[in-house]
Amino acid sequence: LLSWFDTALTKEGINKGRPNKQDIKDAEDFIVNIIKK
């Protein structure tokens, strides 16, 4: 799951330092969307 999270962070362009809570939420939503497909 960590690799999915890293992919989401990179894909969303928020892999620049420590992500904030909203970035993490967006990344989690992104991961869920991938898994559902």
PDB file of N, CA and C in Angstrom:
ATOM      1  N   LEU A   1       0.841  -1.209   0.000  1.00  0.00           N
ATOM      2  CA  LEU A   1       0.000   0.000   0.000  1.00  0.00           C
ATOM      3  C   LEU A   1       0.872   1.254   0.000  1.00  0.00           C
ATOM      4  N   LEU A   2       2.076   1.133   0.576  1.00  0.00           N
ATOM      5  CA  LEU A   2       2.974   2.286   0.618  1.00  0.00           C
ATOM      6  C   LEU A   2       3.368   2.715  -0.789  1.00  0.00           C
ATOM      7  N   SER A   3       3.565   1.742  -1.675  1.00  0.00           N
ATOM      8  CA  SER A   3       3.930   2.079  -3.046  1.00  0.00           C
ATOM      9  C   SER A   3       2.776   2.799  -3.743  1.00  0.00           C
ATOM     10  N   TRP A   4       1.543   2.374  -3.450  1.00  0.00           N
ATOM     11  CA  TRP A   4       0.367   3.066  -3.993  1.00  0.00           C
ATOM     12  C   TRP A   4       0.351   4.506  -3.509  1.00  0.00           C
ATOM     13  N   PHE A   5       0.648   4.682  -2.199  1.00  0.00           N
ATOM     14  CA  PHE A   5       0.654   6.017  -1.602  1.00  0.00           C
ATOM     15  C   PHE A   5       1.720   6.890  -2.252  1.00  0.00           C
ATOM     16  N   ASP A   6       2.911   6.317  -2.440  1.00  0.00           N
ATOM     17  CA  ASP A   6       3.998   7.054  -3.088  1.00  0.00           C
ATOM     18  C   ASP A   6       3.609   7.440  -4.514  1.00  0.00           C
ATOM     19  N   THR A   7       2.959   6.516  -5.208  1.00  0.00           N
ATOM     20  CA  THR A   7       2.526   6.790  -6.576  1.00  0.00           C
ATOM     21  C   THR A   7       1.521   7.926  -6.594  1.00  0.00           C
ATOM     22  N   ALA A   8       0.581   7.897  -5.661  1.00  0.00           N
ATOM     23  CA  ALA A   8      -0.434   8.949  -5.587  1.00  0.00           C
ATOM     24  C   ALA A   8       0.219  10.297  -5.293  1.00  0.00           C
ATOM     25  N   LEU A   9       1.164  10.304  -4.361  1.00  0.00           N
ATOM     26  CA  LEU A   9       1.845  11.555  -4.019  1.00  0.00           C
ATOM     27  C   LEU A   9       2.560  12.123  -5.235  1.00  0.00           C
ATOM     28  N   THR A  10       3.265  11.244  -5.960  1.00  0.00           N
ATOM     29  CA  THR A  10       4.008  11.688  -7.130  1.00  0.00           C
ATOM     30  C   THR A  10       3.057  12.149  -8.224  1.00  0.00           C
ATOM     31  N   LYS A  11       1.999  11.388  -8.440  1.00  0.00           N
ATOM     32  CA  LYS A  11       1.035  11.690  -9.492  1.00  0.00           C
ATOM     33  C   LYS A  11       0.366  13.038  -9.250  1.00  0.00           C
ATOM     34  N   GLU A  12       0.074  13.329  -7.984  1.00  0.00           N
ATOM     35  CA  GLU A  12      -0.601  14.578  -7.645  1.00  0.00           C
ATOM     36  C   GLU A  12       0.375  15.745  -7.529  1.00  0.00           C
ATOM     37  N   GLY A  13       1.673  15.452  -7.667  1.00  0.00           N
ATOM     38  CA  GLY A  13       2.661  16.517  -7.632  1.00  0.00           C
ATOM     39  C   GLY A  13       2.849  17.115  -6.249  1.00  0.00           C
ATOM     40  N   ILE A  14       2.541  16.331  -5.205  1.00  0.00           N
ATOM     41  CA  ILE A  14       2.697  16.858  -3.847  1.00  0.00           C
ATOM     42  C   ILE A  14       3.856  16.176  -3.150  1.00  0.00           C
ATOM     43  N   ASN A  15       4.714  15.544  -3.955  1.00  0.00           N
ATOM     44  CA  ASN A  15       5.863  14.845  -3.389  1.00  0.00           C
ATOM     45  C   ASN A  15       7.029  15.822  -3.204  1.00  0.00           C
ATOM     46  N   LYS A  16       6.709  16.992  -2.663  1.00  0.00           N
ATOM     47  CA  LYS A  16       7.718  18.043  -2.456  1.00  0.00           C
ATOM     48  C   LYS A  16       7.758  18.356  -0.973  1.00  0.00           C
ATOM     49  N   GLY A  17       8.504  17.578  -0.222  1.00  0.00           N
ATOM     50  CA  GLY A  17       8.535  17.788   1.217  1.00  0.00           C
ATOM     51  C   GLY A  17       7.394  17.052   1.893  1.00  0.00           C
ATOM     52  N   ARG A  18       7.089  17.465   3.099  1.00  0.00           N
ATOM     53  CA  ARG A  18       6.067  16.773   3.892  1.00  0.00           C
ATOM     54  C   ARG A  18       4.668  17.175   3.426  1.00  0.00           C
ATOM     55  N   PRO A  19       3.845  16.214   3.038  1.00  0.00           N
ATOM     56  CA  PRO A  19       2.477  16.530   2.613  1.00  0.00           C
ATOM     57  C   PRO A  19       1.626  16.963   3.795  1.00  0.00           C
ATOM     58  N   ASN A  20       0.691  17.870   3.547  1.00  0.00           N
ATOM     59  CA  ASN A  20      -0.219  18.267   4.620  1.00  0.00           C
ATOM     60  C   ASN A  20      -1.406  17.310   4.658  1.00  0.00           C
ATOM     61  N   LYS A  21      -2.292  17.488   5.611  1.00  0.00           N
ATOM     62  CA  LYS A  21      -3.391  16.531   5.800  1.00  0.00           C
ATOM     63  C   LYS A  21      -4.296  16.464   4.578  1.00  0.00           C
ATOM     64  N   GLN A  22      -4.541  17.590   3.934  1.00  0.00           N
ATOM     65  CA  GLN A  22      -5.399  17.590   2.748  1.00  0.00           C
ATOM     66  C   GLN A  22      -4.740  16.803   1.618  1.00  0.00           C
ATOM     67  N   ASP A  23      -3.440  16.971   1.469  1.00  0.00           N
ATOM     68  CA  ASP A  23      -2.717  16.221   0.435  1.00  0.00           C
ATOM     69  C   ASP A  23      -2.829  14.724   0.693  1.00  0.00           C
ATOM     70  N   ILE A  24      -2.697  14.341   1.961  1.00  0.00           N
ATOM     71  CA  ILE A  24      -2.796  12.927   2.318  1.00  0.00           C
ATOM     72  C   ILE A  24      -4.197  12.411   2.019  1.00  0.00           C
ATOM     73  N   LYS A  25      -5.214  13.204   2.344  1.00  0.00           N
ATOM     74  CA  LYS A  25      -6.603  12.814   2.067  1.00  0.00           C
ATOM     75  C   LYS A  25      -6.804  12.641   0.564  1.00  0.00           C
ATOM     76  N   ASP A  26      -6.300  13.580  -0.213  1.00  0.00           N
ATOM     77  CA  ASP A  26      -6.423  13.493  -1.669  1.00  0.00           C
ATOM     78  C   ASP A  26      -5.722  12.248  -2.195  1.00  0.00           C
ATOM     79  N   ALA A  27      -4.556  11.965  -1.642  1.00  0.00           N
ATOM     80  CA  ALA A  27      -3.802  10.792  -2.063  1.00  0.00           C
ATOM     81  C   ALA A  27      -4.565   9.515  -1.728  1.00  0.00           C
ATOM     82  N   GLU A  28      -5.167   9.483  -0.543  1.00  0.00           N
ATOM     83  CA  GLU A  28      -5.940   8.303  -0.143  1.00  0.00           C
ATOM     84  C   GLU A  28      -7.130   8.112  -1.074  1.00  0.00           C
ATOM     85  N   ASP A  29      -7.808   9.207  -1.419  1.00  0.00           N
ATOM     86  CA  ASP A  29      -8.934   9.121  -2.352  1.00  0.00           C
ATOM     87  C   ASP A  29      -8.454   8.613  -3.707  1.00  0.00           C
ATOM     88  N   PHE A  30      -7.288   9.086  -4.122  1.00  0.00           N
ATOM     89  CA  PHE A  30      -6.695   8.677  -5.391  1.00  0.00           C
ATOM     90  C   PHE A  30      -6.430   7.175  -5.391  1.00  0.00           C
ATOM     91  N   ILE A  31      -5.894   6.684  -4.266  1.00  0.00           N
ATOM     92  CA  ILE A  31      -5.608   5.258  -4.125  1.00  0.00           C
ATOM     93  C   ILE A  31      -6.895   4.447  -4.194  1.00  0.00           C
ATOM     94  N   VAL A  32      -7.912   4.890  -3.486  1.00  0.00           N
ATOM     95  CA  VAL A  32      -9.194   4.183  -3.473  1.00  0.00           C
ATOM     96  C   VAL A  32      -9.748   4.090  -4.890  1.00  0.00           C
ATOM     97  N   ASN A  33      -9.640   5.171  -5.646  1.00  0.00           N
ATOM     98  CA  ASN A  33     -10.138   5.178  -7.024  1.00  0.00           C
ATOM     99  C   ASN A  33      -9.390   4.166  -7.878  1.00  0.00           C
ATOM    100  N   ILE A  34      -8.084   4.042  -7.670  1.00  0.00           N
ATOM    101  CA  ILE A  34      -7.296   3.067  -8.427  1.00  0.00           C
ATOM    102  C   ILE A  34      -7.732   1.646  -8.081  1.00  0.00           C
ATOM    103  N   ILE A  35      -7.888   1.380  -6.798  1.00  0.00           N
ATOM    104  CA  ILE A  35      -8.236   0.031  -6.344  1.00  0.00           C
ATOM    105  C   ILE A  35      -9.620  -0.368  -6.846  1.00  0.00           C
ATOM    106  N   LYS A  36     -10.535   0.588  -6.901  1.00  0.00           N
ATOM    107  CA  LYS A  36     -11.910   0.287  -7.331  1.00  0.00           C
ATOM    108  C   LYS A  36     -11.982  -0.062  -8.811  1.00  0.00           C
ATOM    109  N   LYS A  37     -11.019   0.447  -9.600  1.00  0.00           N
ATOM    110  CA  LYS A  37     -11.071   0.206 -11.045  1.00  0.00           C
ATOM    111  C   LYS A  37     -10.640  -1.209 -11.391  1.00  0.00           C
TER     112      LYS A  37
END
